[in-house]
Amino acid sequence: MLQTPKFLTNILLGLITLVIIVSCSQFNQEELTTSPSDSQSQFKVASILSGSIQDGSWTQANYEGLKLIEKQYNTEISYIDNILDADSEALIRRYAEQGYDLIIGHSGGYIKAMENVAKDFPETKFALVTTYAGNNKNLGAVAFRSGEVGYLTGALAAIKTKTNKVAYMVGFDYPFYKEEEELFRRGATETKPNIEVYTKFLQTWIDTEKGNKVALDWLKQGVDVIAINADVAGLTALKLAGEKPGVYGIGWTKDQYNLAPGKVLTSVLQNIPELVLKIATLVQQGRWEGKQYKYGLREKIYDFAPFRGTLTPEEEAKFNQIKQQVVTGKIDITPSEPTTDYNK
């Protein structure tokens, strides 16, 4: 009677041990099959953003680009938004110390900070979304061929104006935007030689009062077409322009027609998410050379929102003709070295 329970106990212990061995074997096998996939996916990308990811403009579009990288390359991502230029170096350095493979700064104001950190972390890739030559090593930049849309918005303003006074408002005087400003002026004057062109660098992306004041001053001077590339600072200014009879606006970054329906001629559509994705693609392909990469209308990184009847058929045909000449290179949009301060 005493031997039977021991016998049964030994059988039970044997079965339990077998179950444990099988379970552990299955668990270890699962680890082996998933770990390589996990390790291969650990491309780590960080972004430093100058504004809010909900601004409906530049910063949000850059954040959407980061999300595209996450989806396309199964990437571990991190970001910090609303970062002032002066605060950027410490944050960039922290990401580099944490082993991120690629660190993207979405502002021309971060150039010096990126240069400083890139020297100390030669194996890390650094990128700026602006006009910048790069260090020919690990720090480069992607940008739009901004002269294309600078020229074309200037030409469009000249086609539409009745008062012969047009204007262009932008946030900061980074090289990228200086090029746009110069080409806006050129596009306007080559389309209508006697035109008066006003431009202003606000030195802010968020001060709506400053943007409004500039717009109101221009309206008092008789400006009737205003192109606004100023992020949050320009949104209410675009609405103000639309409230005055006979005055039109040109939006930027996203389709801003709904800010002033019937009064926004078009908007420059910047496919910023795809532009940002190109950084990660170049890095993943081993082709990131620490230089300037530019994209534009030919690559469909730039486009224009529909006119929605704001132009006559003749005006639209003239604009499309000029646009085709820009795309094919028949119109030279090479920027010159600016020698005059046009900040009126």
Protein backbone atom coordinates (compact mmCIF):
# COMPACT_ATOMS: atom_id res chain seq x y z
CA MET A 1 0.00 0.00 0.00
CA LEU A 2 2.91 2.37 0.74
CA GLN A 3 4.64 1.72 -2.63
CA THR A 4 1.71 2.75 -4.86
CA PRO A 5 1.59 6.45 -3.91
CA LYS A 6 5.40 6.68 -4.36
CA PHE A 7 5.11 5.11 -7.78
CA LEU A 8 2.32 7.43 -8.78
CA THR A 9 4.21 10.38 -7.36
CA ASN A 10 7.29 9.55 -9.44
CA ILE A 11 5.16 9.33 -12.58
CA LEU A 12 3.56 12.69 -11.83
CA LEU A 13 6.92 14.29 -11.13
CA GLY A 14 8.22 12.93 -14.39
CA LEU A 15 5.27 14.30 -16.32
CA ILE A 16 5.64 17.72 -14.69
CA THR A 17 9.35 17.81 -15.52
CA LEU A 18 8.61 16.88 -19.14
CA VAL A 19 6.02 19.65 -19.44
CA ILE A 20 8.49 22.19 -18.00
CA ILE A 21 11.24 21.09 -20.42
CA VAL A 22 8.91 21.31 -23.44
CA SER A 23 7.60 24.70 -22.33
CA CYS A 24 11.10 26.10 -21.81
CA SER A 25 12.15 24.72 -25.18
CA GLN A 26 9.22 26.42 -26.92
CA PHE A 27 9.90 29.70 -25.09
CA ASN A 28 13.59 29.69 -26.04
CA GLN A 29 12.75 28.85 -29.66
CA GLU A 30 10.32 31.78 -29.74
CA GLU A 31 13.06 34.09 -28.43
CA LEU A 32 15.46 32.92 -31.10
CA THR A 33 13.05 33.59 -33.95
CA THR A 34 11.93 37.03 -32.77
CA SER A 35 15.19 38.49 -31.49
CA PRO A 36 16.91 38.83 -34.89
CA SER A 37 13.87 40.66 -36.24
CA ASP A 38 13.85 42.97 -33.23
CA SER A 39 17.55 43.71 -33.46
CA GLN A 40 17.34 44.41 -37.16
CA SER A 41 14.52 46.89 -36.59
CA GLN A 42 16.37 48.99 -34.01
CA PHE A 43 17.13 51.91 -36.27
CA LYS A 44 16.86 54.75 -33.77
CA VAL A 45 15.89 58.21 -35.00
CA ALA A 46 15.38 61.37 -32.93
CA SER A 47 13.99 64.76 -33.91
CA ILE A 48 14.42 68.23 -32.44
CA LEU A 49 11.47 70.42 -33.47
CA SER A 50 11.18 74.20 -33.28
CA GLY A 51 7.41 74.44 -32.78
CA SER A 52 4.41 72.39 -31.71
CA ILE A 53 3.60 69.10 -33.43
CA GLN A 54 -0.01 70.34 -33.56
CA ASP A 55 0.71 73.68 -35.26
CA GLY A 56 -0.95 72.62 -38.53
CA SER A 57 2.12 73.75 -40.44
CA TRP A 58 5.92 73.27 -40.47
CA THR A 59 6.48 71.40 -37.22
CA GLN A 60 3.48 69.13 -37.58
CA ALA A 61 4.55 68.21 -41.10
CA ASN A 62 8.07 67.39 -39.88
CA TYR A 63 6.62 65.23 -37.12
CA GLU A 64 4.53 63.41 -39.73
CA GLY A 65 7.81 62.73 -41.55
CA LEU A 66 9.23 61.18 -38.38
CA LYS A 67 6.16 58.95 -38.18
CA LEU A 68 6.71 57.93 -41.82
CA ILE A 69 10.26 56.88 -40.92
CA GLU A 70 8.87 54.85 -38.02
CA LYS A 71 6.44 53.05 -40.30
CA GLN A 72 8.74 52.58 -43.30
CA TYR A 73 11.76 51.27 -41.39
CA ASN A 74 10.20 49.87 -38.21
CA THR A 75 12.13 52.54 -36.32
CA GLU A 76 12.40 53.46 -32.69
CA ILE A 77 11.66 57.19 -32.69
CA SER A 78 11.83 60.02 -30.20
CA TYR A 79 11.19 63.75 -30.47
CA ILE A 80 11.14 66.99 -28.48
CA ASP A 81 9.11 69.94 -29.77
CA ASN A 82 9.02 73.68 -28.97
CA ILE A 83 12.82 73.84 -28.70
CA LEU A 84 14.53 77.22 -28.89
CA ASP A 85 17.78 77.49 -30.85
CA ALA A 86 19.75 78.19 -27.66
CA ASP A 87 18.45 75.02 -25.98
CA SER A 88 19.05 72.65 -28.87
CA GLU A 89 22.70 71.62 -28.41
CA ALA A 90 22.22 69.96 -25.02
CA LEU A 91 19.25 67.96 -26.33
CA ILE A 92 21.03 66.91 -29.53
CA ARG A 93 24.04 65.83 -27.48
CA ARG A 94 21.83 63.83 -25.13
CA TYR A 95 20.32 61.89 -28.04
CA ALA A 96 23.80 61.20 -29.43
CA GLU A 97 24.95 59.91 -26.05
CA GLN A 98 21.91 57.63 -25.94
CA GLY A 99 23.03 55.92 -29.14
CA TYR A 100 20.53 57.24 -31.69
CA ASP A 101 21.62 56.43 -35.24
CA LEU A 102 20.13 59.52 -36.84
CA ILE A 103 19.31 62.88 -35.26
CA ILE A 104 17.27 65.41 -37.27
CA GLY A 105 17.02 69.12 -36.51
CA HIS A 106 14.03 70.77 -38.14
CA SER A 107 15.27 74.35 -38.11
CA GLY A 108 18.00 76.42 -39.69
CA GLY A 109 18.57 77.81 -36.21
CA TYR A 110 20.10 74.51 -35.09
CA ILE A 111 23.07 74.59 -37.49
CA LYS A 112 25.74 75.60 -34.99
CA ALA A 113 24.49 73.16 -32.36
CA MET A 114 24.49 70.31 -34.90
CA GLU A 115 28.01 71.18 -36.03
CA ASN A 116 29.30 71.09 -32.46
CA VAL A 117 27.76 67.72 -31.61
CA ALA A 118 28.52 66.08 -34.97
CA LYS A 119 32.25 66.63 -34.41
CA ASP A 120 32.11 64.70 -31.14
CA PHE A 121 30.04 61.77 -32.51
CA PRO A 122 31.51 60.89 -35.94
CA GLU A 123 29.63 57.56 -36.17
CA THR A 124 26.22 59.19 -35.69
CA LYS A 125 24.33 60.66 -38.66
CA PHE A 126 23.00 64.20 -38.26
CA ALA A 127 20.58 66.00 -40.57
CA LEU A 128 19.01 69.43 -40.87
CA VAL A 129 15.85 70.33 -42.76
CA THR A 130 17.10 73.58 -44.25
CA THR A 131 19.58 74.96 -46.75
CA TYR A 132 23.03 73.96 -45.49
CA ALA A 133 26.15 72.69 -47.27
CA GLY A 134 27.00 69.97 -44.71
CA ASN A 135 30.39 68.87 -43.36
CA ASN A 136 30.95 66.18 -46.04
CA LYS A 137 31.08 63.58 -43.27
CA ASN A 138 28.15 62.87 -41.00
CA LEU A 139 26.17 66.17 -40.99
CA GLY A 140 24.08 67.07 -44.02
CA ALA A 141 20.74 68.61 -44.90
CA VAL A 142 17.67 68.21 -47.04
CA ALA A 143 15.80 71.18 -48.43
CA PHE A 144 13.39 72.26 -51.09
CA ARG A 145 14.55 73.96 -54.23
CA SER A 146 12.86 76.95 -52.65
CA GLY A 147 13.65 79.28 -55.52
CA GLU A 148 11.08 77.41 -57.63
CA VAL A 149 8.11 78.32 -55.47
CA GLY A 150 9.58 81.68 -54.51
CA TYR A 151 9.66 82.63 -58.19
CA LEU A 152 6.26 81.14 -58.96
CA THR A 153 4.42 82.77 -56.04
CA GLY A 154 5.97 86.11 -57.03
CA ALA A 155 4.81 85.57 -60.61
CA LEU A 156 1.32 84.60 -59.44
CA ALA A 157 1.06 87.68 -57.23
CA ALA A 158 2.08 89.84 -60.20
CA ILE A 159 -0.48 88.16 -62.46
CA LYS A 160 -3.30 88.79 -59.96
CA THR A 161 -2.52 92.25 -58.54
CA LYS A 162 -4.60 95.26 -59.54
CA THR A 163 -2.72 97.80 -57.45
CA ASN A 164 0.76 96.71 -58.63
CA LYS A 165 1.75 96.14 -54.99
CA VAL A 166 2.47 92.65 -53.68
CA ALA A 167 4.16 91.25 -50.58
CA TYR A 168 5.86 88.20 -49.10
CA MET A 169 6.02 87.46 -45.35
CA VAL A 170 8.26 84.78 -43.83
CA GLY A 171 9.30 83.71 -40.35
CA PHE A 172 13.11 83.88 -40.24
CA ASP A 173 15.94 85.00 -42.49
CA TYR A 174 17.57 81.59 -42.79
CA PRO A 175 19.34 80.98 -46.14
CA PHE A 176 16.43 78.78 -47.26
CA TYR A 177 13.99 81.68 -46.86
CA LYS A 178 16.35 84.34 -48.16
CA GLU A 179 16.42 82.38 -51.39
CA GLU A 180 12.61 82.25 -51.48
CA GLU A 181 12.40 85.98 -50.80
CA GLU A 182 14.89 86.85 -53.53
CA LEU A 183 13.13 84.66 -56.08
CA PHE A 184 9.67 85.94 -55.07
CA ARG A 185 10.91 89.42 -55.89
CA ARG A 186 12.42 88.24 -59.17
CA GLY A 187 9.31 86.32 -60.23
CA ALA A 188 7.12 89.35 -59.55
CA THR A 189 9.32 91.90 -61.33
CA GLU A 190 10.03 89.69 -64.36
CA THR A 191 6.29 89.11 -64.76
CA LYS A 192 5.36 92.78 -64.26
CA PRO A 193 8.41 95.10 -64.37
CA ASN A 194 6.80 98.16 -62.71
CA ILE A 195 5.51 96.27 -59.69
CA GLU A 196 6.28 97.24 -56.07
CA VAL A 197 7.39 94.31 -53.91
CA TYR A 198 7.36 94.33 -50.09
CA THR A 199 8.98 91.57 -48.03
CA LYS A 200 9.43 90.99 -44.32
CA PHE A 201 11.30 88.50 -42.14
CA LEU A 202 9.34 88.42 -38.87
CA GLN A 203 12.07 86.70 -36.82
CA THR A 204 9.34 84.54 -35.28
CA TRP A 205 7.09 81.63 -36.19
CA ILE A 206 4.62 82.11 -33.35
CA ASP A 207 4.01 85.84 -32.74
CA THR A 208 0.61 86.36 -34.38
CA GLU A 209 0.45 90.00 -33.30
CA LYS A 210 3.64 90.75 -35.20
CA GLY A 211 2.34 88.99 -38.30
CA ASN A 212 -0.96 90.88 -38.08
CA LYS A 213 0.78 94.24 -37.72
CA VAL A 214 2.91 93.67 -40.81
CA ALA A 215 -0.11 92.58 -42.84
CA LEU A 216 -2.17 95.60 -41.72
CA ASP A 217 0.67 97.99 -42.60
CA TRP A 218 0.88 96.50 -46.08
CA LEU A 219 -2.87 96.71 -46.57
CA LYS A 220 -2.78 100.42 -45.68
CA GLN A 221 -0.14 100.90 -48.38
CA GLY A 222 -2.37 99.27 -51.00
CA VAL A 223 -0.86 95.79 -51.21
CA ASP A 224 -3.51 93.47 -52.65
CA VAL A 225 -1.71 90.09 -52.85
CA ILE A 226 0.25 88.73 -49.86
CA ALA A 227 2.14 85.44 -49.82
CA ILE A 228 2.57 84.24 -46.23
CA ASN A 229 5.11 81.61 -45.16
CA ALA A 230 5.20 82.26 -41.41
CA ASP A 231 3.71 79.23 -39.70
CA VAL A 232 1.44 80.16 -36.75
CA ALA A 233 2.54 83.81 -36.90
CA GLY A 234 1.01 84.15 -40.35
CA LEU A 235 -2.29 82.30 -39.97
CA THR A 236 -4.38 85.22 -38.69
CA ALA A 237 -2.55 87.57 -41.06
CA LEU A 238 -3.81 85.44 -43.94
CA LYS A 239 -7.34 85.73 -42.55
CA LEU A 240 -6.97 89.51 -42.25
CA ALA A 241 -5.92 89.78 -45.88
CA GLY A 242 -8.95 87.76 -46.89
CA GLU A 243 -11.34 90.06 -45.05
CA LYS A 244 -10.52 93.10 -47.18
CA PRO A 245 -12.31 93.38 -50.57
CA GLY A 246 -10.04 92.90 -53.54
CA VAL A 247 -7.18 91.46 -51.46
CA TYR A 248 -5.87 87.91 -51.84
CA GLY A 249 -3.48 85.68 -49.98
CA ILE A 250 -1.18 82.82 -50.94
CA GLY A 251 -0.81 80.13 -48.26
CA TRP A 252 2.14 77.90 -47.46
CA THR A 253 3.07 74.37 -46.37
CA LYS A 254 -0.50 73.00 -46.32
CA ASP A 255 -3.67 73.91 -48.23
CA GLN A 256 -4.88 76.97 -46.28
CA TYR A 257 -7.90 77.79 -48.45
CA ASN A 258 -10.33 77.33 -45.56
CA LEU A 259 -8.71 80.16 -43.59
CA ALA A 260 -10.26 82.59 -46.08
CA PRO A 261 -12.41 80.73 -48.64
CA GLY A 262 -12.45 82.42 -52.02
CA LYS A 263 -9.60 84.76 -51.05
CA VAL A 264 -6.65 82.34 -50.88
CA LEU A 265 -5.43 82.04 -54.48
CA THR A 266 -3.53 78.83 -53.78
CA SER A 267 -1.10 77.40 -51.24
CA VAL A 268 2.42 76.15 -51.73
CA LEU A 269 2.19 72.49 -50.80
CA GLN A 270 5.40 71.26 -49.24
CA ASN A 271 5.53 67.49 -48.94
CA ILE A 272 7.65 67.81 -45.82
CA PRO A 273 6.90 64.27 -44.57
CA GLU A 274 8.34 62.75 -47.76
CA LEU A 275 11.29 65.14 -47.62
CA VAL A 276 12.09 63.99 -44.08
CA LEU A 277 11.66 60.34 -45.10
CA LYS A 278 14.33 60.85 -47.78
CA ILE A 279 16.88 61.47 -45.00
CA ALA A 280 16.26 58.07 -43.44
CA THR A 281 16.23 56.38 -46.85
CA LEU A 282 19.65 57.80 -47.72
CA VAL A 283 21.02 56.73 -44.33
CA GLN A 284 19.54 53.22 -44.61
CA GLN A 285 21.00 52.84 -48.11
CA GLY A 286 24.43 53.94 -46.90
CA ARG A 287 24.29 57.00 -49.17
CA TRP A 288 24.25 59.78 -46.56
CA GLU A 289 27.38 61.79 -47.41
CA GLY A 290 26.96 64.83 -45.16
CA LYS A 291 26.03 67.25 -47.93
CA GLN A 292 23.06 69.24 -49.22
CA TYR A 293 20.24 67.32 -50.91
CA LYS A 294 17.54 69.38 -52.65
CA TYR A 295 14.15 68.35 -54.03
CA GLY A 296 11.35 70.22 -55.74
CA LEU A 297 8.57 70.20 -58.30
CA ARG A 298 10.10 67.46 -60.47
CA GLU A 299 10.21 65.04 -57.54
CA LYS A 300 6.69 66.11 -56.47
CA ILE A 301 8.04 67.33 -53.14
CA TYR A 302 6.52 70.71 -54.06
CA ASP A 303 3.12 71.42 -55.60
CA PHE A 304 0.33 74.01 -55.57
CA ALA A 305 -3.18 73.67 -54.17
CA PRO A 306 -6.11 74.01 -56.60
CA PHE A 307 -7.08 77.57 -57.58
CA ARG A 308 -10.79 76.83 -57.07
CA GLY A 309 -11.89 79.59 -59.44
CA THR A 310 -9.81 82.37 -57.86
CA LEU A 311 -8.04 82.93 -61.19
CA THR A 312 -9.55 83.65 -64.59
CA PRO A 313 -8.79 81.04 -67.28
CA GLU A 314 -6.29 83.47 -68.82
CA GLU A 315 -4.53 84.06 -65.48
CA GLU A 316 -4.35 80.34 -64.77
CA ALA A 317 -2.98 79.59 -68.25
CA LYS A 318 -0.28 82.23 -67.83
CA PHE A 319 0.74 80.84 -64.44
CA ASN A 320 0.89 77.26 -65.74
CA GLN A 321 3.06 78.39 -68.65
CA ILE A 322 5.54 80.04 -66.29
CA LYS A 323 5.47 76.99 -64.01
CA GLN A 324 6.36 74.69 -66.91
CA GLN A 325 9.25 76.97 -67.88
CA VAL A 326 10.57 76.81 -64.31
CA VAL A 327 10.32 73.01 -64.14
CA THR A 328 12.09 72.54 -67.48
CA GLY A 329 14.80 75.07 -66.65
CA LYS A 330 13.85 77.62 -69.31
CA ILE A 331 13.57 80.19 -66.54
CA ASP A 332 16.72 80.55 -64.47
CA ILE A 333 15.97 80.44 -60.76
CA THR A 334 19.56 80.35 -59.55
CA PRO A 335 19.78 82.68 -56.54
CA SER A 336 22.35 85.43 -56.46
CA GLU A 337 24.14 86.67 -53.39
CA PRO A 338 21.66 89.11 -51.82
CA THR A 339 23.24 92.56 -51.36
CA THR A 340 20.27 94.59 -50.20
CA ASP A 341 18.11 94.44 -47.09
CA TYR A 342 14.54 94.29 -48.30
CA ASN A 343 12.94 94.09 -44.83
CA LYS A 344 10.53 97.00 -45.14
